[in-house]
Amino acid sequence: MKGTIVATALLAMTAVLPQPAAAQNNAVGGAIVGGVVGGVIGGAATGRAEGALVGAVIGGVAGAAIGAEAERRRGYYWHRGACYRAVPGGYQQVSPRRCGV
């Protein structure tokens, strides 16, 4: 029981650490963040290691899918057939030439 609480606390602390920008814009970074968050939620919801494991797997798969959705190209993002740039508060669509299309 004590080990489960310590493991859950460590996972929770890892989940709230700031992630580098590069890790947030790809499938691997999404899988890592999703797996950690899913494991924490699964462990907290069930109180068992099996719940944490299932939550980590589901979170990892979901995080990888979300992370792979946008592809970064020369400082711009290619998403669903359009090119975007990051602006304060969100994203702005720009010419596809900016993404090298």
PDB file of N, CA and C in Angstrom:
ATOM      1  N   MET A   1       0.825  -1.189   0.000  1.00  0.00           N
ATOM      2  CA  MET A   1       0.000   0.000   0.000  1.00  0.00           C
ATOM      3  C   MET A   1       0.872   1.256   0.000  1.00  0.00           C
ATOM      4  N   LYS A   2       1.905   1.277   0.856  1.00  0.00           N
ATOM      5  CA  LYS A   2       2.777   2.429   0.943  1.00  0.00           C
ATOM      6  C   LYS A   2       3.528   2.642  -0.376  1.00  0.00           C
ATOM      7  N   GLY A   3       3.948   1.526  -1.001  1.00  0.00           N
ATOM      8  CA  GLY A   3       4.644   1.612  -2.282  1.00  0.00           C
ATOM      9  C   GLY A   3       3.766   2.176  -3.385  1.00  0.00           C
ATOM     10  N   THR A   4       2.494   1.810  -3.382  1.00  0.00           N
ATOM     11  CA  THR A   4       1.558   2.320  -4.381  1.00  0.00           C
ATOM     12  C   THR A   4       1.371   3.822  -4.220  1.00  0.00           C
ATOM     13  N   ILE A   5       1.282   4.281  -2.983  1.00  0.00           N
ATOM     14  CA  ILE A   5       1.101   5.713  -2.730  1.00  0.00           C
ATOM     15  C   ILE A   5       2.337   6.490  -3.185  1.00  0.00           C
ATOM     16  N   VAL A   6       3.519   5.956  -2.899  1.00  0.00           N
ATOM     17  CA  VAL A   6       4.755   6.623  -3.299  1.00  0.00           C
ATOM     18  C   VAL A   6       4.872   6.647  -4.823  1.00  0.00           C
ATOM     19  N   ALA A   7       4.559   5.539  -5.473  1.00  0.00           N
ATOM     20  CA  ALA A   7       4.629   5.485  -6.935  1.00  0.00           C
ATOM     21  C   ALA A   7       3.645   6.456  -7.563  1.00  0.00           C
ATOM     22  N   THR A   8       2.444   6.521  -7.026  1.00  0.00           N
ATOM     23  CA  THR A   8       1.446   7.448  -7.550  1.00  0.00           C
ATOM     24  C   THR A   8       1.894   8.892  -7.354  1.00  0.00           C
ATOM     25  N   ALA A   9       2.474   9.195  -6.207  1.00  0.00           N
ATOM     26  CA  ALA A   9       2.958  10.555  -5.952  1.00  0.00           C
ATOM     27  C   ALA A   9       4.080  10.931  -6.917  1.00  0.00           C
ATOM     28  N   LEU A  10       4.998   9.989  -7.175  1.00  0.00           N
ATOM     29  CA  LEU A  10       6.082  10.266  -8.123  1.00  0.00           C
ATOM     30  C   LEU A  10       5.538  10.486  -9.530  1.00  0.00           C
ATOM     31  N   LEU A  11       4.577   9.682  -9.938  1.00  0.00           N
ATOM     32  CA  LEU A  11       3.974   9.866 -11.258  1.00  0.00           C
ATOM     33  C   LEU A  11       3.256  11.206 -11.342  1.00  0.00           C
ATOM     34  N   ALA A  12       2.575  11.588 -10.288  1.00  0.00           N
ATOM     35  CA  ALA A  12       1.870  12.870 -10.283  1.00  0.00           C
ATOM     36  C   ALA A  12       2.855  14.025 -10.396  1.00  0.00           C
ATOM     37  N   MET A  13       3.975  13.939  -9.692  1.00  0.00           N
ATOM     38  CA  MET A  13       4.973  15.005  -9.787  1.00  0.00           C
ATOM     39  C   MET A  13       5.574  15.068 -11.183  1.00  0.00           C
ATOM     40  N   THR A  14       5.794  13.922 -11.802  1.00  0.00           N
ATOM     41  CA  THR A  14       6.330  13.896 -13.161  1.00  0.00           C
ATOM     42  C   THR A  14       5.346  14.501 -14.146  1.00  0.00           C
ATOM     43  N   ALA A  15       4.072  14.274 -13.934  1.00  0.00           N
ATOM     44  CA  ALA A  15       3.054  14.769 -14.858  1.00  0.00           C
ATOM     45  C   ALA A  15       2.955  16.285 -14.846  1.00  0.00           C
ATOM     46  N   VAL A  16       3.233  16.915 -13.716  1.00  0.00           N
ATOM     47  CA  VAL A  16       3.069  18.365 -13.646  1.00  0.00           C
ATOM     48  C   VAL A  16       4.339  19.128 -14.001  1.00  0.00           C
ATOM     49  N   LEU A  17       5.448  18.443 -14.238  1.00  0.00           N
ATOM     50  CA  LEU A  17       6.664  19.129 -14.657  1.00  0.00           C
ATOM     51  C   LEU A  17       6.474  19.713 -16.042  1.00  0.00           C
ATOM     52  N   PRO A  18       7.028  20.889 -16.308  1.00  0.00           N
ATOM     53  CA  PRO A  18       6.909  21.467 -17.644  1.00  0.00           C
ATOM     54  C   PRO A  18       7.641  20.602 -18.663  1.00  0.00           C
ATOM     55  N   GLN A  19       7.029  20.422 -19.801  1.00  0.00           N
ATOM     56  CA  GLN A  19       7.624  19.630 -20.867  1.00  0.00           C
ATOM     57  C   GLN A  19       8.285  20.551 -21.881  1.00  0.00           C
ATOM     58  N   PRO A  20       9.439  20.151 -22.445  1.00  0.00           N
ATOM     59  CA  PRO A  20      10.049  20.970 -23.486  1.00  0.00           C
ATOM     60  C   PRO A  20       9.137  21.053 -24.700  1.00  0.00           C
ATOM     61  N   ALA A  21       9.250  22.143 -25.433  1.00  0.00           N
ATOM     62  CA  ALA A  21       8.379  22.355 -26.589  1.00  0.00           C
ATOM     63  C   ALA A  21       8.514  21.226 -27.603  1.00  0.00           C
ATOM     64  N   ALA A  22       9.724  20.702 -27.790  1.00  0.00           N
ATOM     65  CA  ALA A  22       9.917  19.630 -28.765  1.00  0.00           C
ATOM     66  C   ALA A  22       9.154  18.380 -28.374  1.00  0.00           C
ATOM     67  N   ALA A  23       9.028  18.098 -27.099  1.00  0.00           N
ATOM     68  CA  ALA A  23       8.326  16.896 -26.659  1.00  0.00           C
ATOM     69  C   ALA A  23       6.824  17.037 -26.804  1.00  0.00           C
ATOM     70  N   GLN A  24       6.337  18.241 -26.904  1.00  0.00           N
ATOM     71  CA  GLN A  24       4.903  18.452 -26.994  1.00  0.00           C
ATOM     72  C   GLN A  24       4.394  18.420 -28.432  1.00  0.00           C
ATOM     73  N   ASN A  25       5.295  18.372 -29.404  1.00  0.00           N
ATOM     74  CA  ASN A  25       4.876  18.477 -30.790  1.00  0.00           C
ATOM     75  C   ASN A  25       5.126  17.210 -31.599  1.00  0.00           C
ATOM     76  N   ASN A  26       5.185  16.061 -30.945  1.00  0.00           N
ATOM     77  CA  ASN A  26       5.398  14.834 -31.697  1.00  0.00           C
ATOM     78  C   ASN A  26       4.744  13.657 -30.991  1.00  0.00           C
ATOM     79  N   ALA A  27       4.744  12.540 -31.661  1.00  0.00           N
ATOM     80  CA  ALA A  27       4.069  11.356 -31.138  1.00  0.00           C
ATOM     81  C   ALA A  27       4.754  10.794 -29.899  1.00  0.00           C
ATOM     82  N   VAL A  28       6.082  10.821 -29.853  1.00  0.00           N
ATOM     83  CA  VAL A  28       6.798  10.261 -28.704  1.00  0.00           C
ATOM     84  C   VAL A  28       6.528  11.089 -27.452  1.00  0.00           C
ATOM     85  N   GLY A  29       6.637  12.396 -27.568  1.00  0.00           N
ATOM     86  CA  GLY A  29       6.346  13.263 -26.432  1.00  0.00           C
ATOM     87  C   GLY A  29       4.916  13.119 -25.962  1.00  0.00           C
ATOM     88  N   GLY A  30       3.986  13.010 -26.912  1.00  0.00           N
ATOM     89  CA  GLY A  30       2.586  12.813 -26.549  1.00  0.00           C
ATOM     90  C   GLY A  30       2.355  11.493 -25.844  1.00  0.00           C
ATOM     91  N   ALA A  31       3.053  10.453 -26.287  1.00  0.00           N
ATOM     92  CA  ALA A  31       2.912   9.143 -25.648  1.00  0.00           C
ATOM     93  C   ALA A  31       3.451   9.154 -24.227  1.00  0.00           C
ATOM     94  N   ILE A  32       4.568   9.838 -24.023  1.00  0.00           N
ATOM     95  CA  ILE A  32       5.150   9.899 -22.678  1.00  0.00           C
ATOM     96  C   ILE A  32       4.232  10.652 -21.732  1.00  0.00           C
ATOM     97  N   VAL A  33       3.813  11.833 -22.136  1.00  0.00           N
ATOM     98  CA  VAL A  33       2.940  12.638 -21.279  1.00  0.00           C
ATOM     99  C   VAL A  33       1.607  11.927 -21.058  1.00  0.00           C
ATOM    100  N   GLY A  34       1.020  11.388 -22.120  1.00  0.00           N
ATOM    101  CA  GLY A  34      -0.252  10.672 -21.994  1.00  0.00           C
ATOM    102  C   GLY A  34      -0.149   9.444 -21.118  1.00  0.00           C
ATOM    103  N   GLY A  35       0.958   8.715 -21.227  1.00  0.00           N
ATOM    104  CA  GLY A  35       1.144   7.528 -20.403  1.00  0.00           C
ATOM    105  C   GLY A  35       1.269   7.855 -18.927  1.00  0.00           C
ATOM    106  N   VAL A  36       2.005   8.916 -18.623  1.00  0.00           N
ATOM    107  CA  VAL A  36       2.172   9.317 -17.222  1.00  0.00           C
ATOM    108  C   VAL A  36       0.838   9.769 -16.638  1.00  0.00           C
ATOM    109  N   VAL A  37       0.156  10.641 -17.366  1.00  0.00           N
ATOM    110  CA  VAL A  37      -1.131  11.144 -16.868  1.00  0.00           C
ATOM    111  C   VAL A  37      -2.150  10.009 -16.766  1.00  0.00           C
ATOM    112  N   GLY A  38      -2.201   9.140 -17.765  1.00  0.00           N
ATOM    113  CA  GLY A  38      -3.124   8.005 -17.726  1.00  0.00           C
ATOM    114  C   GLY A  38      -2.835   7.061 -16.574  1.00  0.00           C
ATOM    115  N   GLY A  39      -1.553   6.834 -16.303  1.00  0.00           N
ATOM    116  CA  GLY A  39      -1.180   5.976 -15.180  1.00  0.00           C
ATOM    117  C   GLY A  39      -1.598   6.562 -13.846  1.00  0.00           C
ATOM    118  N   VAL A  40      -1.415   7.857 -13.694  1.00  0.00           N
ATOM    119  CA  VAL A  40      -1.812   8.514 -12.447  1.00  0.00           C
ATOM    120  C   VAL A  40      -3.327   8.447 -12.265  1.00  0.00           C
ATOM    121  N   ILE A  41      -4.056   8.747 -13.313  1.00  0.00           N
ATOM    122  CA  ILE A  41      -5.520   8.712 -13.220  1.00  0.00           C
ATOM    123  C   ILE A  41      -6.013   7.288 -12.997  1.00  0.00           C
ATOM    124  N   GLY A  42      -5.465   6.328 -13.730  1.00  0.00           N
ATOM    125  CA  GLY A  42      -5.878   4.930 -13.564  1.00  0.00           C
ATOM    126  C   GLY A  42      -5.581   4.399 -12.179  1.00  0.00           C
ATOM    127  N   GLY A  43      -4.410   4.736 -11.634  1.00  0.00           N
ATOM    128  CA  GLY A  43      -4.057   4.303 -10.291  1.00  0.00           C
ATOM    129  C   GLY A  43      -4.917   4.948  -9.225  1.00  0.00           C
ATOM    130  N   ALA A  44      -5.199   6.235  -9.416  1.00  0.00           N
ATOM    131  CA  ALA A  44      -6.032   6.939  -8.434  1.00  0.00           C
ATOM    132  C   ALA A  44      -7.483   6.476  -8.483  1.00  0.00           C
ATOM    133  N   ALA A  45      -7.966   6.166  -9.666  1.00  0.00           N
ATOM    134  CA  ALA A  45      -9.371   5.762  -9.806  1.00  0.00           C
ATOM    135  C   ALA A  45      -9.625   4.362  -9.245  1.00  0.00           C
ATOM    136  N   THR A  46      -8.668   3.459  -9.422  1.00  0.00           N
ATOM    137  CA  THR A  46      -8.891   2.077  -8.987  1.00  0.00           C
ATOM    138  C   THR A  46      -8.180   1.735  -7.690  1.00  0.00           C
ATOM    139  N   GLY A  47      -7.108   2.438  -7.386  1.00  0.00           N
ATOM    140  CA  GLY A  47      -6.332   2.117  -6.198  1.00  0.00           C
ATOM    141  C   GLY A  47      -5.505   0.858  -6.347  1.00  0.00           C
ATOM    142  N   ARG A  48      -5.335   0.390  -7.571  1.00  0.00           N
ATOM    143  CA  ARG A  48      -4.593  -0.849  -7.827  1.00  0.00           C
ATOM    144  C   ARG A  48      -3.562  -0.606  -8.922  1.00  0.00           C
ATOM    145  N   ALA A  49      -2.517  -1.427  -8.905  1.00  0.00           N
ATOM    146  CA  ALA A  49      -1.469  -1.305  -9.913  1.00  0.00           C
ATOM    147  C   ALA A  49      -1.992  -1.631 -11.309  1.00  0.00           C
ATOM    148  N   GLU A  50      -2.948  -2.556 -11.386  1.00  0.00           N
ATOM    149  CA  GLU A  50      -3.514  -2.916 -12.689  1.00  0.00           C
ATOM    150  C   GLU A  50      -4.222  -1.726 -13.328  1.00  0.00           C
ATOM    151  N   GLY A  51      -4.898  -0.949 -12.506  1.00  0.00           N
ATOM    152  CA  GLY A  51      -5.578   0.246 -13.018  1.00  0.00           C
ATOM    153  C   GLY A  51      -4.591   1.274 -13.537  1.00  0.00           C
ATOM    154  N   ALA A  52      -3.469   1.418 -12.833  1.00  0.00           N
ATOM    155  CA  ALA A  52      -2.435   2.346 -13.275  1.00  0.00           C
ATOM    156  C   ALA A  52      -1.819   1.879 -14.591  1.00  0.00           C
ATOM    157  N   LEU A  53      -1.609   0.562 -14.720  1.00  0.00           N
ATOM    158  CA  LEU A  53      -1.029   0.021 -15.946  1.00  0.00           C
ATOM    159  C   LEU A  53      -1.958   0.229 -17.136  1.00  0.00           C
ATOM    160  N   VAL A  54      -3.223  -0.093 -16.952  1.00  0.00           N
ATOM    161  CA  VAL A  54      -4.196   0.087 -18.039  1.00  0.00           C
ATOM    162  C   VAL A  54      -4.321   1.567 -18.399  1.00  0.00           C
ATOM    163  N   GLY A  55      -4.373   2.430 -17.387  1.00  0.00           N
ATOM    164  CA  GLY A  55      -4.453   3.868 -17.642  1.00  0.00           C
ATOM    165  C   GLY A  55      -3.247   4.385 -18.391  1.00  0.00           C
ATOM    166  N   ALA A  56      -2.053   3.877 -18.046  1.00  0.00           N
ATOM    167  CA  ALA A  56      -0.837   4.302 -18.729  1.00  0.00           C
ATOM    168  C   ALA A  56      -0.838   3.877 -20.195  1.00  0.00           C
ATOM    169  N   VAL A  57      -1.302   2.656 -20.464  1.00  0.00           N
ATOM    170  CA  VAL A  57      -1.351   2.182 -21.858  1.00  0.00           C
ATOM    171  C   VAL A  57      -2.346   2.999 -22.668  1.00  0.00           C
ATOM    172  N   ILE A  58      -3.536   3.186 -22.125  1.00  0.00           N
ATOM    173  CA  ILE A  58      -4.555   3.952 -22.851  1.00  0.00           C
ATOM    174  C   ILE A  58      -4.106   5.400 -23.037  1.00  0.00           C
ATOM    175  N   GLY A  59      -3.545   6.007 -21.986  1.00  0.00           N
ATOM    176  CA  GLY A  59      -3.055   7.380 -22.085  1.00  0.00           C
ATOM    177  C   GLY A  59      -1.915   7.514 -23.075  1.00  0.00           C
ATOM    178  N   GLY A  60      -1.022   6.531 -23.102  1.00  0.00           N
ATOM    179  CA  GLY A  60       0.087   6.560 -24.052  1.00  0.00           C
ATOM    180  C   GLY A  60      -0.365   6.492 -25.491  1.00  0.00           C
ATOM    181  N   VAL A  61      -1.317   5.622 -25.761  1.00  0.00           N
ATOM    182  CA  VAL A  61      -1.844   5.504 -27.129  1.00  0.00           C
ATOM    183  C   VAL A  61      -2.560   6.785 -27.540  1.00  0.00           C
ATOM    184  N   ALA A  62      -3.395   7.306 -26.644  1.00  0.00           N
ATOM    185  CA  ALA A  62      -4.121   8.539 -26.954  1.00  0.00           C
ATOM    186  C   ALA A  62      -3.160   9.717 -27.120  1.00  0.00           C
ATOM    187  N   GLY A  63      -2.147   9.810 -26.257  1.00  0.00           N
ATOM    188  CA  GLY A  63      -1.176  10.891 -26.366  1.00  0.00           C
ATOM    189  C   GLY A  63      -0.369  10.828 -27.654  1.00  0.00           C
ATOM    190  N   ALA A  64      -0.012   9.621 -28.072  1.00  0.00           N
ATOM    191  CA  ALA A  64       0.730   9.473 -29.331  1.00  0.00           C
ATOM    192  C   ALA A  64      -0.118   9.892 -30.520  1.00  0.00           C
ATOM    193  N   ALA A  65      -1.391   9.532 -30.493  1.00  0.00           N
ATOM    194  CA  ALA A  65      -2.284   9.910 -31.600  1.00  0.00           C
ATOM    195  C   ALA A  65      -2.444  11.421 -31.670  1.00  0.00           C
ATOM    196  N   ILE A  66      -2.603  12.049 -30.531  1.00  0.00           N
ATOM    197  CA  ILE A  66      -2.760  13.507 -30.514  1.00  0.00           C
ATOM    198  C   ILE A  66      -1.451  14.192 -30.899  1.00  0.00           C
ATOM    199  N   GLY A  67      -0.325  13.693 -30.393  1.00  0.00           N
ATOM    200  CA  GLY A  67       0.965  14.287 -30.701  1.00  0.00           C
ATOM    201  C   GLY A  67       1.347  14.171 -32.163  1.00  0.00           C
ATOM    202  N   ALA A  68       0.920  13.114 -32.824  1.00  0.00           N
ATOM    203  CA  ALA A  68       1.248  12.913 -34.228  1.00  0.00           C
ATOM    204  C   ALA A  68       0.338  13.707 -35.156  1.00  0.00           C
ATOM    205  N   GLU A  69      -0.694  14.299 -34.621  1.00  0.00           N
ATOM    206  CA  GLU A  69      -1.684  14.996 -35.436  1.00  0.00           C
ATOM    207  C   GLU A  69      -1.091  16.212 -36.150  1.00  0.00           C
ATOM    208  N   ALA A  70      -0.236  16.959 -35.495  1.00  0.00           N
ATOM    209  CA  ALA A  70       0.349  18.153 -36.094  1.00  0.00           C
ATOM    210  C   ALA A  70       1.829  17.918 -36.366  1.00  0.00           C
ATOM    211  N   GLU A  71       2.273  18.251 -37.560  1.00  0.00           N
ATOM    212  CA  GLU A  71       3.664  18.072 -37.962  1.00  0.00           C
ATOM    213  C   GLU A  71       4.315  19.446 -38.077  1.00  0.00           C
ATOM    214  N   ARG A  72       5.445  19.621 -37.405  1.00  0.00           N
ATOM    215  CA  ARG A  72       6.119  20.916 -37.423  1.00  0.00           C
ATOM    216  C   ARG A  72       7.033  21.010 -38.637  1.00  0.00           C
ATOM    217  N   ARG A  73       6.930  22.117 -39.358  1.00  0.00           N
ATOM    218  CA  ARG A  73       7.764  22.351 -40.538  1.00  0.00           C
ATOM    219  C   ARG A  73       8.343  23.756 -40.467  1.00  0.00           C
ATOM    220  N   ARG A  74       9.644  23.859 -40.295  1.00  0.00           N
ATOM    221  CA  ARG A  74      10.368  25.139 -40.282  1.00  0.00           C
ATOM    222  C   ARG A  74       9.693  26.201 -39.415  1.00  0.00           C
ATOM    223  N   GLY A  75       9.260  25.840 -38.229  1.00  0.00           N
ATOM    224  CA  GLY A  75       8.651  26.807 -37.327  1.00  0.00           C
ATOM    225  C   GLY A  75       7.153  26.954 -37.502  1.00  0.00           C
ATOM    226  N   TYR A  76       6.598  26.308 -38.509  1.00  0.00           N
ATOM    227  CA  TYR A  76       5.160  26.333 -38.750  1.00  0.00           C
ATOM    228  C   TYR A  76       4.600  24.934 -38.545  1.00  0.00           C
ATOM    229  N   TYR A  77       3.300  24.802 -38.472  1.00  0.00           N
ATOM    230  CA  TYR A  77       2.663  23.516 -38.221  1.00  0.00           C
ATOM    231  C   TYR A  77       1.756  23.144 -39.380  1.00  0.00           C
ATOM    232  N   TRP A  78       1.897  21.929 -39.881  1.00  0.00           N
ATOM    233  CA  TRP A  78       1.043  21.397 -40.940  1.00  0.00           C
ATOM    234  C   TRP A  78       0.014  20.503 -40.283  1.00  0.00           C
ATOM    235  N   HIS A  79      -1.274  20.861 -40.406  1.00  0.00           N
ATOM    236  CA  HIS A  79      -2.340  20.124 -39.723  1.00  0.00           C
ATOM    237  C   HIS A  79      -3.555  20.060 -40.631  1.00  0.00           C
ATOM    238  N   ARG A  80      -3.961  18.840 -40.972  1.00  0.00           N
ATOM    239  CA  ARG A  80      -5.148  18.594 -41.782  1.00  0.00           C
ATOM    240  C   ARG A  80      -5.185  19.421 -43.077  1.00  0.00           C
ATOM    241  N   GLY A  81      -4.064  19.417 -43.769  1.00  0.00           N
ATOM    242  CA  GLY A  81      -4.009  20.044 -45.078  1.00  0.00           C
ATOM    243  C   GLY A  81      -3.857  21.552 -45.076  1.00  0.00           C
ATOM    244  N   ALA A  82      -3.506  22.166 -43.951  1.00  0.00           N
ATOM    245  CA  ALA A  82      -3.320  23.608 -43.884  1.00  0.00           C
ATOM    246  C   ALA A  82      -2.084  23.918 -43.047  1.00  0.00           C
ATOM    247  N   CYS A  83      -1.529  25.103 -43.229  1.00  0.00           N
ATOM    248  CA  CYS A  83      -0.329  25.532 -42.527  1.00  0.00           C
ATOM    249  C   CYS A  83      -0.717  26.597 -41.494  1.00  0.00           C
ATOM    250  N   TYR A  84      -0.145  26.476 -40.291  1.00  0.00           N
ATOM    251  CA  TYR A  84      -0.453  27.402 -39.198  1.00  0.00           C
ATOM    252  C   TYR A  84       0.832  27.867 -38.542  1.00  0.00           C
ATOM    253  N   ARG A  85       0.757  29.037 -37.883  1.00  0.00           N
ATOM    254  CA  ARG A  85       1.858  29.506 -37.059  1.00  0.00           C
ATOM    255  C   ARG A  85       1.307  29.810 -35.671  1.00  0.00           C
ATOM    256  N   ALA A  86       2.171  29.649 -34.678  1.00  0.00           N
ATOM    257  CA  ALA A  86       1.768  29.916 -33.307  1.00  0.00           C
ATOM    258  C   ALA A  86       1.733  31.420 -33.074  1.00  0.00           C
ATOM    259  N   VAL A  87       0.653  31.901 -32.482  1.00  0.00           N
ATOM    260  CA  VAL A  87       0.497  33.303 -32.091  1.00  0.00           C
ATOM    261  C   VAL A  87       0.009  33.309 -30.644  1.00  0.00           C
ATOM    262  N   PRO A  88       0.168  34.410 -29.945  1.00  0.00           N
ATOM    263  CA  PRO A  88      -0.328  34.453 -28.564  1.00  0.00           C
ATOM    264  C   PRO A  88      -1.812  34.095 -28.498  1.00  0.00           C
ATOM    265  N   GLY A  89      -2.132  33.092 -27.724  1.00  0.00           N
ATOM    266  CA  GLY A  89      -3.524  32.682 -27.555  1.00  0.00           C
ATOM    267  C   GLY A  89      -4.005  31.624 -28.530  1.00  0.00           C
ATOM    268  N   GLY A  90      -3.154  31.137 -29.436  1.00  0.00           N
ATOM    269  CA  GLY A  90      -3.623  30.098 -30.351  1.00  0.00           C
ATOM    270  C   GLY A  90      -2.767  29.977 -31.597  1.00  0.00           C
ATOM    271  N   TYR A  91      -3.415  29.697 -32.717  1.00  0.00           N
ATOM    272  CA  TYR A  91      -2.733  29.499 -33.990  1.00  0.00           C
ATOM    273  C   TYR A  91      -3.436  30.298 -35.071  1.00  0.00           C
ATOM    274  N   GLN A  92      -2.657  30.720 -36.075  1.00  0.00           N
ATOM    275  CA  GLN A  92      -3.191  31.487 -37.188  1.00  0.00           C
ATOM    276  C   GLN A  92      -2.843  30.766 -38.483  1.00  0.00           C
ATOM    277  N   GLN A  93      -3.831  30.612 -39.360  1.00  0.00           N
ATOM    278  CA  GLN A  93      -3.581  29.947 -40.639  1.00  0.00           C
ATOM    279  C   GLN A  93      -2.806  30.889 -41.549  1.00  0.00           C
ATOM    280  N   VAL A  94      -1.776  30.342 -42.223  1.00  0.00           N
ATOM    281  CA  VAL A  94      -0.933  31.114 -43.136  1.00  0.00           C
ATOM    282  C   VAL A  94      -0.850  30.377 -44.469  1.00  0.00           C
ATOM    283  N   SER A  95      -0.147  30.965 -45.409  1.00  0.00           N
ATOM    284  CA  SER A  95       0.009  30.371 -46.732  1.00  0.00           C
ATOM    285  C   SER A  95       0.708  29.012 -46.643  1.00  0.00           C
ATOM    286  N   PRO A  96       0.246  28.029 -47.413  1.00  0.00           N
ATOM    287  CA  PRO A  96       0.905  26.713 -47.412  1.00  0.00           C
ATOM    288  C   PRO A  96       2.372  26.783 -47.807  1.00  0.00           C
ATOM    289  N   ARG A  97       2.785  27.836 -48.525  1.00  0.00           N
ATOM    290  CA  ARG A  97       4.197  27.989 -48.908  1.00  0.00           C
ATOM    291  C   ARG A  97       5.106  28.104 -47.691  1.00  0.00           C
ATOM    292  N   ARG A  98       4.575  28.610 -46.574  1.00  0.00           N
ATOM    293  CA  ARG A  98       5.372  28.734 -45.362  1.00  0.00           C
ATOM    294  C   ARG A  98       5.782  27.359 -44.831  1.00  0.00           C
ATOM    295  N   CYS A  99       4.971  26.335 -45.087  1.00  0.00           N
ATOM    296  CA  CYS A  99       5.275  24.984 -44.646  1.00  0.00           C
ATOM    297  C   CYS A  99       6.027  24.191 -45.703  1.00  0.00           C
ATOM    298  N   GLY A 100       6.400  24.842 -46.791  1.00  0.00           N
ATOM    299  CA  GLY A 100       7.162  24.180 -47.834  1.00  0.00           C
ATOM    300  C   GLY A 100       6.313  23.359 -48.794  1.00  0.00           C
ATOM    301  N   VAL A 101       5.045  23.711 -48.918  1.00  0.00           N
ATOM    302  CA  VAL A 101       4.152  22.957 -49.819  1.00  0.00           C
ATOM    303  C   VAL A 101       4.025  23.698 -51.121  1.00  0.00           C
TER     304      VAL A 101
END
